[in-house]
Amino acid sequence: MVFPADGRHLAFADITAETDFFVKSQSFDLARFLGDDGLAKRYDDGSMLLSRLCPLDYHRFHFPCAGGAGVPRFINGWLYSVNPIALVTRPSIFWENKRVVTPIESPEFGQVQFVEIGATMVGGIRQTYMPGEAVAKGEEKGYFAFGGSSVAVLFEKGRIEFDADLLDNTANGLETYARVGERMGQALGQA
């Protein structure tokens, strides 16, 4: 599994248990984030990578694994800033902002949800892949039309083992800077 974008990354091995990763007492609302209660239940106790892109970063995003890429589903919303200060005071930005959710069927990782999150100055989230076709790990999926933005990748329970340094940095409140295509983890149980 590789990072889907250049940026600053946080990894959560269990998003249900680690719901207060931004602000104590405010939990991450997975159902609102995905815009689908049933889909959110599928990712209970699952894992998530959150990648924050700054305006100076490369603003294309890529598939983190090979598989069958589904049809993107648009969820309309606002375009609030995703800078760290805004997120600490109001993590609800993630489920209030405009989003695009795309399923990826991966033989190794199961059903992965790829979510692009719009932000201030990002009026467009463009897809460059063909839905329904097989995609290669690292293949371009699309791009943000200017500005800061974020990408989240969700995994079902027991499907991914994030690299230890990525998890350690997140546990210590630090983002890990990495570039698209660099390794972030492996399928659980693989050597």
Protein backbone atom coordinates (compact mmCIF):
# COMPACT_ATOMS: atom_id res chain seq x y z
CA MET A 1 0.00 0.00 0.00
CA VAL A 2 1.41 3.37 -0.98
CA PHE A 3 0.60 6.96 -0.06
CA PRO A 4 -2.05 8.36 -2.41
CA ALA A 5 -0.73 11.93 -2.46
CA ASP A 6 2.14 14.21 -1.52
CA GLY A 7 1.37 15.72 1.85
CA ARG A 8 1.18 15.41 5.59
CA HIS A 9 -0.30 12.10 6.76
CA LEU A 10 -1.97 10.68 9.87
CA ALA A 11 -2.78 6.95 10.27
CA PHE A 12 -5.35 5.42 12.59
CA ALA A 13 -5.30 1.64 13.10
CA ASP A 14 -8.80 1.68 14.65
CA ILE A 15 -10.94 4.70 13.78
CA THR A 16 -13.74 3.58 16.08
CA ALA A 17 -11.46 3.42 19.15
CA GLU A 18 -9.48 6.52 18.18
CA THR A 19 -12.45 8.81 17.61
CA ASP A 20 -11.04 11.70 19.65
CA PHE A 21 -7.88 12.17 17.59
CA PHE A 22 -8.52 15.86 16.95
CA VAL A 23 -10.44 17.22 19.90
CA LYS A 24 -11.26 15.44 23.13
CA SER A 25 -15.02 14.97 23.45
CA GLN A 26 -15.77 15.37 19.73
CA SER A 27 -15.84 12.08 17.84
CA PHE A 28 -15.28 11.49 14.15
CA ASP A 29 -18.69 10.96 12.54
CA LEU A 30 -17.98 8.21 10.00
CA ALA A 31 -21.62 7.93 8.86
CA ARG A 32 -21.79 11.65 8.03
CA PHE A 33 -18.32 11.56 6.50
CA LEU A 34 -19.29 8.75 4.08
CA GLY A 35 -22.86 10.01 3.66
CA ASP A 36 -24.15 6.46 4.18
CA ASP A 37 -24.99 4.76 7.51
CA GLY A 38 -24.75 1.24 6.08
CA LEU A 39 -21.37 1.86 4.49
CA ALA A 40 -20.09 3.40 7.74
CA LYS A 41 -21.00 0.21 9.66
CA ARG A 42 -18.81 -1.78 7.26
CA TYR A 43 -15.83 0.29 8.46
CA ASP A 44 -16.52 0.03 12.23
CA ASP A 45 -13.19 -0.79 13.90
CA GLY A 46 -11.51 -0.22 10.52
CA SER A 47 -8.43 1.85 9.73
CA MET A 48 -7.94 5.22 8.06
CA LEU A 49 -5.17 7.21 6.46
CA LEU A 50 -5.73 10.95 6.34
CA SER A 51 -3.56 12.97 3.93
CA ARG A 52 -3.55 16.77 4.09
CA LEU A 53 -2.27 18.61 1.03
CA CYS A 54 -1.06 22.20 1.27
CA PRO A 55 -1.29 24.68 -1.63
CA LEU A 56 2.39 24.10 -2.46
CA ASP A 57 1.96 20.30 -2.78
CA TYR A 58 1.47 18.31 -5.97
CA HIS A 59 -2.33 18.31 -6.28
CA ARG A 60 -2.95 15.05 -8.06
CA PHE A 61 -3.99 11.94 -6.17
CA HIS A 62 -3.31 8.31 -7.03
CA PHE A 63 -4.66 4.85 -6.25
CA PRO A 64 -2.90 3.45 -3.15
CA CYS A 65 -3.45 -0.15 -4.28
CA ALA A 66 -4.42 -2.12 -7.38
CA GLY A 67 -8.01 -3.22 -7.88
CA GLY A 68 -11.32 -2.45 -9.50
CA ALA A 69 -12.23 1.22 -9.15
CA GLY A 70 -15.92 1.96 -8.78
CA VAL A 71 -18.06 4.94 -9.70
CA PRO A 72 -17.30 8.11 -7.70
CA ARG A 73 -20.17 9.41 -5.53
CA PHE A 74 -20.37 13.18 -4.97
CA ILE A 75 -21.46 14.59 -1.59
CA ASN A 76 -22.09 18.32 -1.76
CA GLY A 77 -20.89 20.56 1.05
CA TRP A 78 -18.90 23.61 2.06
CA LEU A 79 -15.31 24.49 1.28
CA TYR A 80 -13.89 25.27 4.74
CA SER A 81 -10.13 25.40 5.31
CA VAL A 82 -8.43 22.11 6.26
CA ASN A 83 -5.43 23.75 7.93
CA PRO A 84 -4.37 22.12 11.24
CA ILE A 85 -5.69 24.96 13.40
CA ALA A 86 -9.13 24.78 11.79
CA LEU A 87 -9.23 20.99 12.16
CA VAL A 88 -8.27 21.04 15.84
CA THR A 89 -11.05 23.46 16.66
CA ARG A 90 -13.62 21.92 14.33
CA PRO A 91 -13.01 18.38 12.98
CA SER A 92 -16.58 18.36 11.64
CA ILE A 93 -15.08 20.14 8.61
CA PHE A 94 -14.32 16.66 7.24
CA TRP A 95 -18.01 15.76 6.98
CA GLU A 96 -19.23 19.28 6.20
CA ASN A 97 -16.97 19.91 3.20
CA LYS A 98 -17.61 18.74 -0.36
CA ARG A 99 -16.45 15.13 -0.84
CA VAL A 100 -16.15 12.43 -3.49
CA VAL A 101 -16.27 8.79 -2.30
CA THR A 102 -15.01 5.96 -4.53
CA PRO A 103 -14.87 2.24 -3.69
CA ILE A 104 -11.85 0.21 -4.74
CA GLU A 105 -12.19 -3.59 -4.75
CA SER A 106 -8.72 -4.90 -3.89
CA PRO A 107 -7.79 -8.61 -3.76
CA GLU A 108 -5.34 -7.92 -0.90
CA PHE A 109 -7.09 -5.14 1.04
CA GLY A 110 -10.81 -5.86 0.52
CA GLN A 111 -13.13 -2.96 -0.20
CA VAL A 112 -11.23 0.30 0.26
CA GLN A 113 -13.01 3.66 0.27
CA PHE A 114 -11.08 6.57 -1.29
CA VAL A 115 -12.43 9.98 -0.26
CA GLU A 116 -11.35 13.30 -1.72
CA ILE A 117 -12.25 16.30 0.47
CA GLY A 118 -12.54 19.77 -1.00
CA ALA A 119 -11.40 22.85 0.90
CA THR A 120 -11.00 26.60 0.65
CA MET A 121 -9.95 27.60 -2.87
CA VAL A 122 -10.63 24.06 -4.14
CA GLY A 123 -13.67 24.49 -6.30
CA GLY A 124 -13.10 21.34 -8.27
CA ILE A 125 -12.30 17.70 -7.66
CA ARG A 126 -11.61 16.12 -11.04
CA GLN A 127 -11.46 12.39 -11.83
CA THR A 128 -9.08 11.19 -14.56
CA TYR A 129 -9.63 7.42 -14.33
CA MET A 130 -12.32 5.31 -16.02
CA PRO A 131 -14.82 3.90 -13.44
CA GLY A 132 -15.37 0.16 -13.64
CA GLU A 133 -11.91 -0.63 -14.95
CA ALA A 134 -8.97 -2.24 -13.19
CA VAL A 135 -6.40 0.24 -11.90
CA ALA A 136 -2.75 -0.22 -10.98
CA LYS A 137 -1.19 0.79 -7.67
CA GLY A 138 0.12 4.34 -8.10
CA GLU A 139 -2.04 5.10 -11.16
CA GLU A 140 -3.49 8.61 -11.23
CA LYS A 141 -7.07 8.88 -9.97
CA GLY A 142 -7.61 12.62 -10.33
CA TYR A 143 -6.64 16.09 -9.16
CA PHE A 144 -7.75 19.05 -7.08
CA ALA A 145 -8.27 22.33 -8.92
CA PHE A 146 -5.97 24.52 -6.76
CA GLY A 147 -5.64 25.16 -3.03
CA GLY A 148 -5.36 23.06 0.13
CA SER A 149 -7.33 19.85 0.35
CA SER A 150 -7.34 16.33 1.86
CA VAL A 151 -7.66 12.68 0.92
CA ALA A 152 -8.80 9.88 3.23
CA VAL A 153 -8.44 6.16 2.60
CA LEU A 154 -10.61 3.81 4.68
CA PHE A 155 -9.98 0.10 5.26
CA GLU A 156 -12.19 -2.61 6.72
CA LYS A 157 -11.14 -4.10 10.07
CA GLY A 158 -8.08 -6.34 9.89
CA ARG A 159 -7.09 -5.49 6.31
CA ILE A 160 -4.03 -3.21 6.68
CA GLU A 161 -0.98 -2.93 8.88
CA PHE A 162 0.34 0.65 8.75
CA ASP A 163 4.09 1.15 9.07
CA ALA A 164 5.14 1.64 12.72
CA ASP A 165 6.74 5.07 12.23
CA LEU A 166 3.53 6.42 10.69
CA LEU A 167 1.44 5.14 13.62
CA ASP A 168 3.98 6.39 16.20
CA ASN A 169 4.04 9.89 14.72
CA THR A 170 0.23 10.02 14.69
CA ALA A 171 0.06 8.80 18.32
CA ASN A 172 2.39 11.68 19.24
CA GLY A 173 0.25 14.24 17.41
CA LEU A 174 2.68 14.59 14.50
CA GLU A 175 1.92 14.43 10.80
CA THR A 176 4.33 12.41 8.64
CA TYR A 177 5.42 14.10 5.42
CA ALA A 178 5.62 11.62 2.53
CA ARG A 179 5.27 11.66 -1.23
CA VAL A 180 2.85 9.79 -3.46
CA GLY A 181 3.99 6.24 -4.15
CA GLU A 182 6.07 5.80 -0.98
CA ARG A 183 5.16 2.80 1.17
CA MET A 184 2.69 3.33 4.05
CA GLY A 185 1.85 -0.25 5.02
CA GLN A 186 0.96 -3.75 3.89
CA ALA A 187 -1.93 -6.17 3.91
CA LEU A 188 -2.35 -7.60 7.41
CA GLY A 189 -0.56 -10.91 7.77
CA GLN A 190 1.92 -10.33 4.93
CA ALA A 191 5.68 -10.43 5.52
